[in-house]
N, C-alpha and C. Protein backbone atom coordinates (compact mmCIF):
# COMPACT_ATOMS: atom_id res chain seq x y z
N MET A 1 164.43 95.42 102.97
CA MET A 1 163.54 94.51 103.68
C MET A 1 162.48 95.30 104.47
N GLY A 2 162.97 96.37 105.11
CA GLY A 2 162.05 97.22 105.85
C GLY A 2 161.00 97.81 104.95
N HIS A 3 161.43 98.19 103.71
CA HIS A 3 160.49 98.77 102.74
C HIS A 3 159.42 97.75 102.38
N LEU A 4 159.86 96.49 102.18
CA LEU A 4 158.91 95.44 101.82
C LEU A 4 157.91 95.21 102.95
N GLN A 5 158.41 95.29 104.18
CA GLN A 5 157.51 95.10 105.32
C GLN A 5 156.48 96.21 105.40
N ARG A 6 156.93 97.45 105.11
CA ARG A 6 156.00 98.56 105.14
C ARG A 6 154.94 98.41 104.06
N VAL A 7 155.39 98.01 102.84
CA VAL A 7 154.45 97.79 101.74
C VAL A 7 153.48 96.69 102.09
N SER A 8 154.02 95.59 102.65
CA SER A 8 153.18 94.47 103.03
C SER A 8 152.17 94.88 104.10
N GLY A 9 152.65 95.70 105.06
CA GLY A 9 151.75 96.16 106.11
C GLY A 9 150.65 97.03 105.57
N ALA A 10 151.00 97.93 104.64
CA ALA A 10 150.00 98.82 104.06
C ALA A 10 148.98 98.03 103.26
N THR A 11 149.48 97.04 102.48
CA THR A 11 148.58 96.20 101.69
C THR A 11 147.67 95.39 102.60
N GLY A 12 148.28 94.85 103.66
CA GLY A 12 147.49 94.07 104.60
C GLY A 12 146.42 94.89 105.27
N GLY A 13 146.75 96.19 105.54
CA GLY A 13 145.77 97.07 106.15
C GLY A 13 144.59 97.30 105.24
N ARG A 14 144.89 97.49 103.94
CA ARG A 14 143.80 97.70 102.98
C ARG A 14 142.95 96.44 102.85
N VAL A 15 143.63 95.27 102.81
CA VAL A 15 142.89 94.02 102.70
C VAL A 15 141.99 93.81 103.90
N SER A 16 142.55 94.06 105.11
CA SER A 16 141.76 93.87 106.32
C SER A 16 140.59 94.85 106.37
N PHE A 17 140.81 96.07 105.86
CA PHE A 17 139.74 97.07 105.83
C PHE A 17 138.56 96.54 105.04
N PHE A 18 138.84 96.01 103.84
CA PHE A 18 137.77 95.54 102.98
C PHE A 18 137.21 94.20 103.46
N ALA A 19 138.09 93.33 103.95
CA ALA A 19 137.65 92.01 104.37
C ALA A 19 136.76 92.08 105.61
N ALA A 20 136.98 93.08 106.44
CA ALA A 20 136.23 93.17 107.70
C ALA A 20 134.81 93.66 107.50
N ARG A 21 134.53 94.28 106.38
CA ARG A 21 133.20 94.85 106.16
C ARG A 21 132.19 93.77 105.77
N PRO A 22 130.99 93.78 106.35
CA PRO A 22 129.95 92.80 106.00
C PRO A 22 129.24 93.20 104.70
N TRP A 23 129.93 92.98 103.57
CA TRP A 23 129.45 93.48 102.28
C TRP A 23 128.07 92.94 101.89
N ARG A 24 127.90 91.63 102.01
CA ARG A 24 126.63 91.03 101.58
C ARG A 24 125.47 91.52 102.43
N ARG A 25 125.70 91.63 103.70
CA ARG A 25 124.64 92.12 104.58
C ARG A 25 124.31 93.58 104.26
N ALA A 26 125.34 94.36 103.95
CA ALA A 26 125.14 95.76 103.57
C ALA A 26 124.31 95.86 102.30
N ALA A 27 124.63 94.99 101.32
CA ALA A 27 123.87 94.99 100.07
C ALA A 27 122.41 94.61 100.32
N GLY A 28 122.20 93.67 101.24
CA GLY A 28 120.85 93.28 101.59
C GLY A 28 120.06 94.41 102.22
N TRP A 29 120.71 95.13 103.12
CA TRP A 29 120.06 96.28 103.75
C TRP A 29 119.73 97.35 102.71
N LEU A 30 120.65 97.59 101.79
CA LEU A 30 120.40 98.60 100.75
C LEU A 30 119.23 98.18 99.88
N ALA A 31 119.15 96.89 99.55
CA ALA A 31 118.05 96.38 98.73
C ALA A 31 116.71 96.53 99.43
N LEU A 32 116.72 96.55 100.76
CA LEU A 32 115.49 96.75 101.52
C LEU A 32 115.18 98.23 101.70
N LEU A 33 116.19 99.01 102.11
CA LEU A 33 115.96 100.40 102.48
C LEU A 33 115.64 101.30 101.29
N ALA A 34 116.32 101.08 100.16
CA ALA A 34 116.13 101.97 99.01
C ALA A 34 114.68 101.96 98.50
N PRO A 35 114.11 100.80 98.17
CA PRO A 35 112.71 100.82 97.72
C PRO A 35 111.74 101.24 98.82
N PHE A 36 112.05 100.87 100.07
CA PHE A 36 111.19 101.27 101.18
C PHE A 36 111.14 102.79 101.30
N PHE A 37 112.30 103.43 101.11
CA PHE A 37 112.37 104.89 101.18
C PHE A 37 111.45 105.52 100.14
N TYR A 38 111.61 105.12 98.89
CA TYR A 38 110.85 105.77 97.82
C TYR A 38 109.36 105.42 97.86
N LEU A 39 109.04 104.19 98.25
CA LEU A 39 107.64 103.80 98.30
C LEU A 39 106.89 104.55 99.40
N THR A 40 107.47 104.59 100.59
CA THR A 40 106.79 105.26 101.70
C THR A 40 106.79 106.77 101.53
N TYR A 41 107.88 107.32 101.02
CA TYR A 41 107.96 108.76 100.78
C TYR A 41 106.93 109.17 99.73
N GLY A 42 106.83 108.36 98.67
CA GLY A 42 105.86 108.64 97.62
C GLY A 42 104.43 108.51 98.11
N LEU A 43 104.19 107.53 98.98
CA LEU A 43 102.85 107.35 99.54
C LEU A 43 102.43 108.58 100.34
N ALA A 44 103.33 109.10 101.17
CA ALA A 44 103.02 110.29 101.97
C ALA A 44 102.74 111.49 101.07
N ASN A 45 103.52 111.64 100.02
CA ASN A 45 103.29 112.72 99.06
C ASN A 45 101.91 112.59 98.41
N HIS A 46 101.59 111.37 98.00
CA HIS A 46 100.31 111.12 97.32
C HIS A 46 99.14 111.44 98.24
N LEU A 47 99.21 111.00 99.49
CA LEU A 47 98.12 111.25 100.42
C LEU A 47 97.95 112.74 100.70
N ALA A 48 99.06 113.46 100.82
CA ALA A 48 98.97 114.91 101.05
C ALA A 48 98.35 115.61 99.84
N ALA A 49 98.69 115.15 98.64
CA ALA A 49 98.18 115.78 97.42
C ALA A 49 96.68 115.59 97.26
N THR A 50 96.10 114.58 97.90
CA THR A 50 94.67 114.33 97.78
C THR A 50 93.85 115.19 98.75
N ARG A 51 94.50 115.86 99.67
CA ARG A 51 93.79 116.70 100.63
C ARG A 51 93.36 118.01 99.99
N ALA A 52 92.23 118.52 100.46
CA ALA A 52 91.73 119.79 99.91
C ALA A 52 92.66 120.94 100.26
N THR A 53 93.13 120.97 101.48
CA THR A 53 94.06 122.02 101.91
C THR A 53 95.18 121.39 102.74
N VAL A 54 96.38 121.88 102.52
CA VAL A 54 97.55 121.46 103.31
C VAL A 54 98.22 122.73 103.81
N PRO A 55 98.32 122.92 105.12
CA PRO A 55 98.86 124.17 105.66
C PRO A 55 100.37 124.28 105.53
N SER A 56 100.88 125.46 105.85
CA SER A 56 102.32 125.72 105.89
C SER A 56 102.66 126.37 107.22
N VAL A 57 103.87 126.14 107.68
CA VAL A 57 104.41 126.84 108.85
C VAL A 57 105.65 127.58 108.38
N VAL A 58 105.56 128.90 108.27
CA VAL A 58 106.64 129.68 107.68
C VAL A 58 106.75 131.02 108.38
N PHE A 59 107.97 131.48 108.60
CA PHE A 59 108.22 132.80 109.20
C PHE A 59 108.37 133.84 108.09
N ASP A 60 108.03 135.07 108.39
CA ASP A 60 108.12 136.15 107.40
C ASP A 60 109.54 136.33 106.87
N TRP A 61 110.54 136.19 107.75
CA TRP A 61 111.92 136.43 107.33
C TRP A 61 112.42 135.40 106.32
N GLU A 62 111.72 134.29 106.19
CA GLU A 62 112.15 133.27 105.23
C GLU A 62 112.01 133.75 103.79
N GLN A 63 111.23 134.80 103.59
CA GLN A 63 111.09 135.37 102.25
C GLN A 63 112.42 135.90 101.73
N HIS A 64 113.34 136.19 102.64
CA HIS A 64 114.63 136.77 102.25
C HIS A 64 115.71 135.71 102.02
N ILE A 65 115.39 134.46 102.22
CA ILE A 65 116.37 133.40 101.95
C ILE A 65 116.59 133.31 100.44
N PRO A 66 117.84 133.37 99.98
CA PRO A 66 118.10 133.34 98.54
C PRO A 66 117.90 131.94 97.96
N PHE A 67 117.55 131.89 96.70
CA PHE A 67 117.49 130.63 95.97
C PHE A 67 118.79 130.46 95.21
N TRP A 68 119.56 129.46 95.57
CA TRP A 68 120.84 129.17 94.91
C TRP A 68 120.72 127.81 94.24
N ASP A 69 120.56 127.82 92.93
CA ASP A 69 120.31 126.55 92.24
C ASP A 69 121.47 125.57 92.36
N TRP A 70 122.70 126.08 92.49
CA TRP A 70 123.86 125.19 92.57
C TRP A 70 123.87 124.34 93.83
N THR A 71 123.10 124.74 94.85
CA THR A 71 123.09 123.95 96.09
C THR A 71 122.28 122.67 95.94
N ILE A 72 121.70 122.46 94.75
CA ILE A 72 121.06 121.17 94.50
C ILE A 72 122.09 120.04 94.49
N PHE A 73 123.36 120.37 94.22
CA PHE A 73 124.41 119.35 94.21
C PHE A 73 124.64 118.76 95.60
N PRO A 74 124.89 119.58 96.64
CA PRO A 74 124.98 118.98 97.97
C PRO A 74 123.65 118.38 98.42
N TYR A 75 122.54 118.97 97.99
CA TYR A 75 121.24 118.42 98.37
C TYR A 75 121.09 116.97 97.87
N TRP A 76 121.42 116.74 96.62
CA TRP A 76 121.31 115.41 96.03
C TRP A 76 122.36 114.46 96.59
N SER A 77 123.51 114.99 97.02
CA SER A 77 124.62 114.12 97.43
C SER A 77 124.28 113.25 98.63
N VAL A 78 123.25 113.60 99.38
CA VAL A 78 122.89 112.77 100.52
C VAL A 78 122.52 111.36 100.07
N ASN A 79 122.01 111.22 98.85
CA ASN A 79 121.69 109.89 98.33
C ASN A 79 122.92 109.01 98.25
N ALA A 80 124.02 109.57 97.73
CA ALA A 80 125.26 108.81 97.62
C ALA A 80 125.82 108.46 98.99
N PHE A 81 125.81 109.43 99.90
CA PHE A 81 126.32 109.17 101.25
C PHE A 81 125.46 108.14 101.97
N TYR A 82 124.18 108.14 101.70
CA TYR A 82 123.25 107.17 102.29
C TYR A 82 123.65 105.75 101.86
N GLY A 83 123.75 105.54 100.54
CA GLY A 83 124.08 104.21 100.05
C GLY A 83 125.45 103.75 100.49
N LEU A 84 126.44 104.64 100.41
CA LEU A 84 127.81 104.28 100.79
C LEU A 84 127.92 103.96 102.27
N SER A 85 127.13 104.62 103.09
CA SER A 85 127.25 104.44 104.54
C SER A 85 127.05 103.00 104.97
N LEU A 86 126.21 102.28 104.26
CA LEU A 86 125.95 100.89 104.62
C LEU A 86 127.17 100.01 104.39
N PHE A 87 128.04 100.42 103.49
CA PHE A 87 129.21 99.61 103.15
C PHE A 87 130.46 99.99 103.92
N ILE A 88 130.40 101.07 104.69
CA ILE A 88 131.58 101.44 105.48
C ILE A 88 131.41 101.05 106.94
N ALA A 89 130.25 100.51 107.31
CA ALA A 89 130.07 100.02 108.68
C ALA A 89 131.11 98.95 108.95
N ARG A 90 131.71 98.98 110.14
CA ARG A 90 132.87 98.14 110.42
C ARG A 90 132.53 96.76 110.96
N SER A 91 131.28 96.51 111.27
CA SER A 91 130.87 95.21 111.80
C SER A 91 129.39 95.00 111.53
N ARG A 92 128.94 93.77 111.69
CA ARG A 92 127.52 93.49 111.51
C ARG A 92 126.68 94.25 112.53
N HIS A 93 127.18 94.31 113.76
CA HIS A 93 126.46 95.04 114.80
C HIS A 93 126.31 96.51 114.42
N GLU A 94 127.41 97.14 114.01
CA GLU A 94 127.36 98.55 113.63
C GLU A 94 126.45 98.76 112.42
N LEU A 95 126.53 97.86 111.46
CA LEU A 95 125.69 97.96 110.27
C LEU A 95 124.21 97.85 110.63
N ASP A 96 123.86 96.86 111.45
CA ASP A 96 122.46 96.66 111.80
C ASP A 96 121.91 97.84 112.60
N ARG A 97 122.72 98.38 113.50
CA ARG A 97 122.28 99.54 114.28
C ARG A 97 122.11 100.77 113.38
N HIS A 98 123.06 100.96 112.47
CA HIS A 98 122.97 102.09 111.55
C HIS A 98 121.73 101.96 110.66
N ALA A 99 121.48 100.76 110.16
CA ALA A 99 120.30 100.54 109.33
C ALA A 99 119.02 100.75 110.14
N ALA A 100 119.04 100.35 111.40
CA ALA A 100 117.87 100.56 112.26
C ALA A 100 117.61 102.05 112.45
N ARG A 101 118.67 102.85 112.54
CA ARG A 101 118.50 104.30 112.63
C ARG A 101 117.83 104.85 111.38
N LEU A 102 118.32 104.43 110.23
CA LEU A 102 117.75 104.91 108.97
C LEU A 102 116.29 104.50 108.83
N LEU A 103 116.00 103.26 109.20
CA LEU A 103 114.64 102.75 109.09
C LEU A 103 113.70 103.48 110.06
N THR A 104 114.17 103.71 111.27
CA THR A 104 113.36 104.41 112.26
C THR A 104 113.06 105.84 111.82
N ALA A 105 114.07 106.53 111.33
CA ALA A 105 113.87 107.90 110.85
C ALA A 105 112.84 107.94 109.74
N GLN A 106 112.92 106.99 108.83
CA GLN A 106 111.97 106.93 107.72
C GLN A 106 110.55 106.72 108.22
N CYS A 107 110.38 105.75 109.11
CA CYS A 107 109.04 105.42 109.60
C CYS A 107 108.42 106.58 110.38
N VAL A 108 109.20 107.19 111.27
CA VAL A 108 108.68 108.29 112.08
C VAL A 108 108.36 109.50 111.21
N ALA A 109 109.27 109.84 110.29
CA ALA A 109 109.05 111.00 109.43
C ALA A 109 107.82 110.81 108.55
N VAL A 110 107.70 109.65 107.94
CA VAL A 110 106.55 109.39 107.06
C VAL A 110 105.25 109.42 107.85
N ALA A 111 105.28 108.88 109.07
CA ALA A 111 104.08 108.94 109.92
C ALA A 111 103.68 110.39 110.18
N CYS A 112 104.66 111.24 110.44
CA CYS A 112 104.38 112.67 110.65
C CYS A 112 103.85 113.32 109.38
N PHE A 113 104.42 112.95 108.23
CA PHE A 113 103.96 113.52 106.96
C PHE A 113 102.49 113.18 106.70
N ILE A 114 102.10 111.98 107.10
CA ILE A 114 100.73 111.53 106.85
C ILE A 114 99.75 112.15 107.85
N VAL A 115 100.14 112.17 109.12
CA VAL A 115 99.24 112.67 110.17
C VAL A 115 99.17 114.19 110.18
N TRP A 116 100.33 114.85 110.01
CA TRP A 116 100.38 116.32 110.02
C TRP A 116 101.05 116.83 108.74
N PRO A 117 100.39 116.73 107.62
CA PRO A 117 101.01 117.16 106.35
C PRO A 117 101.20 118.67 106.29
N LEU A 118 102.32 119.08 105.75
CA LEU A 118 102.61 120.50 105.51
C LEU A 118 103.11 120.65 104.08
N HIS A 119 103.03 121.87 103.55
CA HIS A 119 103.56 122.07 102.20
C HIS A 119 104.45 123.30 102.17
N PHE A 120 105.38 123.30 101.20
CA PHE A 120 106.28 124.43 101.00
C PHE A 120 105.53 125.51 100.23
N SER A 121 105.55 126.74 100.74
CA SER A 121 104.64 127.77 100.22
C SER A 121 105.25 128.71 99.19
N PHE A 122 106.57 128.62 98.93
CA PHE A 122 107.19 129.51 97.95
C PHE A 122 107.18 128.86 96.57
N GLY A 123 107.12 129.68 95.54
CA GLY A 123 107.33 129.18 94.19
C GLY A 123 108.83 128.96 93.97
N GLN A 124 109.17 127.89 93.31
CA GLN A 124 110.58 127.57 93.07
C GLN A 124 111.02 128.14 91.73
N PRO A 125 112.00 129.06 91.72
CA PRO A 125 112.45 129.64 90.45
C PRO A 125 113.01 128.58 89.51
N GLU A 126 113.04 128.90 88.23
CA GLU A 126 113.58 127.98 87.24
C GLU A 126 115.10 127.90 87.37
N ALA A 127 115.62 126.71 87.21
CA ALA A 127 117.07 126.49 87.21
C ALA A 127 117.45 125.96 85.84
N THR A 128 118.67 126.26 85.41
CA THR A 128 119.13 125.84 84.08
C THR A 128 120.36 124.95 84.20
N GLY A 129 120.77 124.39 83.06
CA GLY A 129 121.97 123.57 83.03
C GLY A 129 121.81 122.28 83.81
N LEU A 130 122.93 121.78 84.33
CA LEU A 130 122.90 120.52 85.08
C LEU A 130 122.07 120.66 86.35
N ALA A 131 122.14 121.83 86.98
CA ALA A 131 121.32 122.06 88.17
C ALA A 131 119.84 121.94 87.81
N GLY A 132 119.46 122.49 86.66
CA GLY A 132 118.08 122.39 86.23
C GLY A 132 117.65 120.95 86.00
N GLN A 133 118.55 120.14 85.46
CA GLN A 133 118.24 118.73 85.24
C GLN A 133 118.04 117.99 86.56
N LEU A 134 118.85 118.35 87.56
CA LEU A 134 118.71 117.71 88.87
C LEU A 134 117.40 118.12 89.54
N PHE A 135 117.02 119.39 89.39
CA PHE A 135 115.73 119.82 89.92
C PHE A 135 114.58 119.10 89.21
N ALA A 136 114.71 118.92 87.90
CA ALA A 136 113.67 118.22 87.15
C ALA A 136 113.56 116.77 87.61
N ALA A 137 114.70 116.13 87.85
CA ALA A 137 114.69 114.76 88.35
C ALA A 137 114.05 114.69 89.73
N LEU A 138 114.32 115.70 90.55
CA LEU A 138 113.73 115.75 91.89
C LEU A 138 112.22 115.89 91.81
N ARG A 139 111.75 116.74 90.92
CA ARG A 139 110.31 116.94 90.78
C ARG A 139 109.62 115.69 90.22
N GLY A 140 110.41 114.79 89.63
CA GLY A 140 109.84 113.58 89.09
C GLY A 140 109.22 112.68 90.15
N PHE A 141 109.71 112.77 91.39
CA PHE A 141 109.14 111.94 92.45
C PHE A 141 108.77 112.74 93.69
N ASP A 142 109.20 113.99 93.77
CA ASP A 142 108.94 114.80 94.95
C ASP A 142 107.86 115.83 94.66
N GLN A 143 107.15 116.23 95.69
CA GLN A 143 106.14 117.28 95.61
C GLN A 143 106.38 118.23 96.78
N PRO A 144 105.70 119.38 96.81
CA PRO A 144 105.97 120.35 97.88
C PRO A 144 105.35 119.97 99.22
N PHE A 145 105.37 118.67 99.54
CA PHE A 145 104.85 118.20 100.82
C PHE A 145 106.00 117.53 101.59
N ASN A 146 105.67 116.64 102.52
CA ASN A 146 106.70 115.92 103.29
C ASN A 146 107.72 116.89 103.88
N GLN A 147 107.23 117.80 104.71
CA GLN A 147 108.05 118.90 105.19
C GLN A 147 108.68 118.65 106.57
N ALA A 148 107.86 118.63 107.61
CA ALA A 148 108.39 118.52 108.97
C ALA A 148 108.00 117.17 109.59
N PRO A 149 108.98 116.50 110.16
CA PRO A 149 110.41 116.86 110.26
C PRO A 149 111.12 116.59 108.94
N SER A 150 112.13 117.40 108.65
CA SER A 150 112.87 117.19 107.40
C SER A 150 113.62 115.87 107.46
N LEU A 151 113.24 114.95 106.59
CA LEU A 151 113.94 113.67 106.55
C LEU A 151 115.38 113.86 106.09
N HIS A 152 115.59 114.85 105.24
CA HIS A 152 116.94 115.17 104.78
C HIS A 152 117.85 115.49 105.97
N ILE A 153 117.37 116.34 106.86
CA ILE A 153 118.17 116.74 108.02
C ILE A 153 118.37 115.56 108.96
N ALA A 154 117.33 114.79 109.21
CA ALA A 154 117.45 113.63 110.09
C ALA A 154 118.49 112.65 109.56
N LEU A 155 118.49 112.43 108.25
CA LEU A 155 119.46 111.52 107.65
C LEU A 155 120.88 112.06 107.76
N VAL A 156 121.06 113.37 107.59
CA VAL A 156 122.39 113.95 107.71
C VAL A 156 122.94 113.73 109.12
N VAL A 157 122.11 113.91 110.14
CA VAL A 157 122.56 113.67 111.51
C VAL A 157 123.00 112.22 111.69
N ILE A 158 122.21 111.29 111.18
CA ILE A 158 122.52 109.87 111.31
C ILE A 158 123.78 109.51 110.53
N LEU A 159 123.88 109.99 109.31
CA LEU A 159 125.04 109.70 108.47
C LEU A 159 126.30 110.31 109.06
N TRP A 160 126.20 111.54 109.54
CA TRP A 160 127.36 112.22 110.13
C TRP A 160 127.90 111.44 111.32
N ASP A 161 127.00 110.89 112.14
CA ASP A 161 127.45 110.15 113.32
C ASP A 161 128.23 108.89 112.95
N LEU A 162 127.92 108.30 111.81
CA LEU A 162 128.69 107.13 111.37
C LEU A 162 129.98 107.55 110.69
N TYR A 163 129.90 108.50 109.78
CA TYR A 163 131.09 108.91 109.03
C TYR A 163 132.17 109.48 109.94
N ARG A 164 131.79 110.18 111.00
CA ARG A 164 132.80 110.77 111.89
C ARG A 164 133.63 109.70 112.60
N ARG A 165 133.12 108.48 112.64
CA ARG A 165 133.83 107.38 113.28
C ARG A 165 134.83 106.71 112.35
N VAL A 166 134.64 106.86 111.06
CA VAL A 166 135.50 106.14 110.11
C VAL A 166 136.36 107.06 109.25
N VAL A 167 136.06 108.35 109.25
CA VAL A 167 136.86 109.30 108.48
C VAL A 167 137.94 109.87 109.38
N HIS A 168 139.19 109.75 108.95
CA HIS A 168 140.32 110.20 109.75
C HIS A 168 141.15 111.21 108.96
N GLY A 169 141.95 111.97 109.67
CA GLY A 169 142.75 113.00 109.02
C GLY A 169 142.08 114.35 109.14
N ARG A 170 142.85 115.37 109.47
CA ARG A 170 142.29 116.69 109.73
C ARG A 170 141.55 117.25 108.52
N VAL A 171 142.17 117.15 107.35
CA VAL A 171 141.55 117.71 106.15
C VAL A 171 140.27 116.95 105.79
N ALA A 172 140.36 115.62 105.83
CA ALA A 172 139.20 114.80 105.48
C ALA A 172 138.03 115.06 106.42
N ARG A 173 138.32 115.20 107.69
CA ARG A 173 137.26 115.45 108.66
C ARG A 173 136.67 116.85 108.48
N PHE A 174 137.52 117.82 108.15
CA PHE A 174 137.02 119.17 107.89
C PHE A 174 136.07 119.16 106.70
N VAL A 175 136.46 118.48 105.63
CA VAL A 175 135.61 118.39 104.45
C VAL A 175 134.29 117.70 104.80
N MET A 176 134.37 116.64 105.60
CA MET A 176 133.16 115.92 105.99
C MET A 176 132.20 116.82 106.76
N HIS A 177 132.72 117.56 107.75
CA HIS A 177 131.87 118.45 108.54
C HIS A 177 131.28 119.56 107.67
N ALA A 178 132.12 120.14 106.81
CA ALA A 178 131.67 121.24 105.95
C ALA A 178 130.59 120.77 104.98
N TRP A 179 130.78 119.58 104.43
CA TRP A 179 129.80 119.06 103.47
C TRP A 179 128.48 118.75 104.16
N ALA A 180 128.53 118.24 105.38
CA ALA A 180 127.30 117.97 106.14
C ALA A 180 126.53 119.27 106.38
N LEU A 181 127.25 120.33 106.72
CA LEU A 181 126.61 121.63 106.91
C LEU A 181 126.03 122.16 105.60
N ALA A 182 126.75 121.92 104.49
CA ALA A 182 126.27 122.36 103.18
C ALA A 182 124.96 121.66 102.81
N ILE A 183 124.88 120.38 103.11
CA ILE A 183 123.64 119.64 102.84
C ILE A 183 122.49 120.21 103.66
N CYS A 184 122.77 120.49 104.94
CA CYS A 184 121.73 121.05 105.81
C CYS A 184 121.25 122.40 105.29
N ALA A 185 122.20 123.25 104.89
CA ALA A 185 121.82 124.58 104.38
C ALA A 185 121.06 124.47 103.07
N SER A 186 121.37 123.46 102.28
CA SER A 186 120.77 123.34 100.94
C SER A 186 119.26 123.11 100.99
N VAL A 187 118.75 122.57 102.09
CA VAL A 187 117.30 122.35 102.15
C VAL A 187 116.54 123.68 102.14
N LEU A 188 117.21 124.76 102.56
CA LEU A 188 116.61 126.09 102.51
C LEU A 188 116.86 126.78 101.18
N THR A 189 118.11 126.72 100.69
CA THR A 189 118.49 127.48 99.50
C THR A 189 118.04 126.82 98.20
N THR A 190 117.53 125.59 98.27
CA THR A 190 116.91 124.97 97.10
C THR A 190 115.38 125.15 97.13
N TYR A 191 114.90 125.81 98.17
CA TYR A 191 113.46 126.01 98.36
C TYR A 191 112.72 124.67 98.44
N GLN A 192 113.30 123.77 99.22
CA GLN A 192 112.65 122.49 99.46
C GLN A 192 111.96 122.44 100.82
N HIS A 193 112.45 123.26 101.75
CA HIS A 193 111.92 123.22 103.12
C HIS A 193 111.82 124.61 103.72
N HIS A 194 110.90 124.74 104.68
CA HIS A 194 110.84 125.92 105.52
C HIS A 194 111.70 125.68 106.76
N PHE A 195 111.99 126.75 107.49
CA PHE A 195 112.92 126.66 108.60
C PHE A 195 112.48 125.67 109.67
N ILE A 196 111.18 125.62 109.97
CA ILE A 196 110.68 124.77 111.05
C ILE A 196 111.04 123.30 110.83
N ASP A 197 111.24 122.93 109.57
CA ASP A 197 111.56 121.54 109.25
C ASP A 197 112.95 121.15 109.72
N ILE A 198 113.85 122.13 109.87
CA ILE A 198 115.25 121.83 110.22
C ILE A 198 115.40 121.37 111.67
N PRO A 199 114.96 122.16 112.68
CA PRO A 199 115.11 121.67 114.05
C PRO A 199 114.31 120.40 114.33
N THR A 200 113.14 120.27 113.71
CA THR A 200 112.37 119.05 113.92
C THR A 200 113.07 117.84 113.30
N GLY A 201 113.69 118.04 112.13
CA GLY A 201 114.44 116.96 111.51
C GLY A 201 115.68 116.60 112.30
N ALA A 202 116.37 117.62 112.83
CA ALA A 202 117.56 117.38 113.65
C ALA A 202 117.19 116.61 114.91
N LEU A 203 116.07 116.98 115.51
CA LEU A 203 115.61 116.27 116.71
C LEU A 203 115.32 114.81 116.41
N LEU A 204 114.69 114.55 115.28
CA LEU A 204 114.41 113.17 114.88
C LEU A 204 115.71 112.40 114.70
N GLY A 205 116.70 113.01 114.04
CA GLY A 205 117.98 112.34 113.84
C GLY A 205 118.67 112.03 115.15
N VAL A 206 118.67 112.98 116.07
CA VAL A 206 119.30 112.78 117.38
C VAL A 206 118.58 111.67 118.15
N MET A 207 117.27 111.62 118.07
CA MET A 207 116.51 110.57 118.75
C MET A 207 116.86 109.19 118.20
N CYS A 208 117.04 109.09 116.89
CA CYS A 208 117.41 107.81 116.28
C CYS A 208 118.81 107.39 116.69
N VAL A 209 119.73 108.36 116.75
CA VAL A 209 121.09 108.07 117.20
C VAL A 209 121.09 107.59 118.64
N TRP A 210 120.27 108.23 119.46
CA TRP A 210 120.18 107.84 120.87
C TRP A 210 119.52 106.46 121.03
N ALA A 211 118.50 106.20 120.26
CA ALA A 211 117.74 104.95 120.41
C ALA A 211 118.53 103.74 119.95
N TRP A 212 119.42 103.92 118.98
CA TRP A 212 120.19 102.81 118.42
C TRP A 212 121.69 103.13 118.50
N PRO A 213 122.30 103.02 119.68
CA PRO A 213 123.74 103.31 119.80
C PRO A 213 124.56 102.30 119.01
N LEU A 214 125.62 102.80 118.37
CA LEU A 214 126.48 101.91 117.58
C LEU A 214 127.41 101.10 118.45
N GLU A 215 127.70 101.59 119.66
CA GLU A 215 128.59 100.87 120.55
C GLU A 215 127.83 99.72 121.21
N ARG A 216 128.53 98.64 121.46
CA ARG A 216 127.93 97.52 122.18
C ARG A 216 127.85 97.88 123.66
N ARG A 217 126.72 97.62 124.26
CA ARG A 217 126.55 97.88 125.69
C ARG A 217 126.67 96.57 126.46
N VAL A 218 127.53 96.59 127.45
CA VAL A 218 127.75 95.40 128.27
C VAL A 218 126.90 95.49 129.52
N ALA A 219 126.07 94.48 129.73
CA ALA A 219 125.22 94.47 130.92
C ALA A 219 126.06 94.24 132.17
N MET A 220 125.80 95.02 133.20
CA MET A 220 126.56 94.91 134.45
C MET A 220 125.83 93.97 135.42
């Protein structure tokens, strides 16, 4: 009987986990955010490409950063974590605040890309195999513009702040933290960004987290 109760409790926990999530609202947010991301990001790229000159901000030591084609895998993985994050929010309030963070980061970053366009100044070596295919897919919509603040880094900060609240277990949390760091490092080792883009992107992410707290605030 005790075994049945434990099984029932475990099943009930899984049911409550899924039942508590605002799935339809999450799907609606994804339907809005996904096209908005690509349309505005593409617009900023297009406007930068029409300029006669687009400057770069790069340190001499960045020439020594290695190009590791395999890091395109963590680089691309932010897309999956982005989409999934909307469906793991535990309440409508948390979902709406998280979506507001993502939307704010997008709007601020794109505004910066348009007003202060920068470009990546290194040539990107050829990649082969599956990594090469992912780089080719990336080049299909991306150009060497849209640099600072790094939207990739800003999104990692925002996503990490949500995932750390719902991921439990020492091993799972270690993997989560390590993967977030891998995504951050990949913006350099894939030759997608210069160093200056990282702290500016992190600052943008922190500002979005601060502006839209996930916790409910009770007025005193």
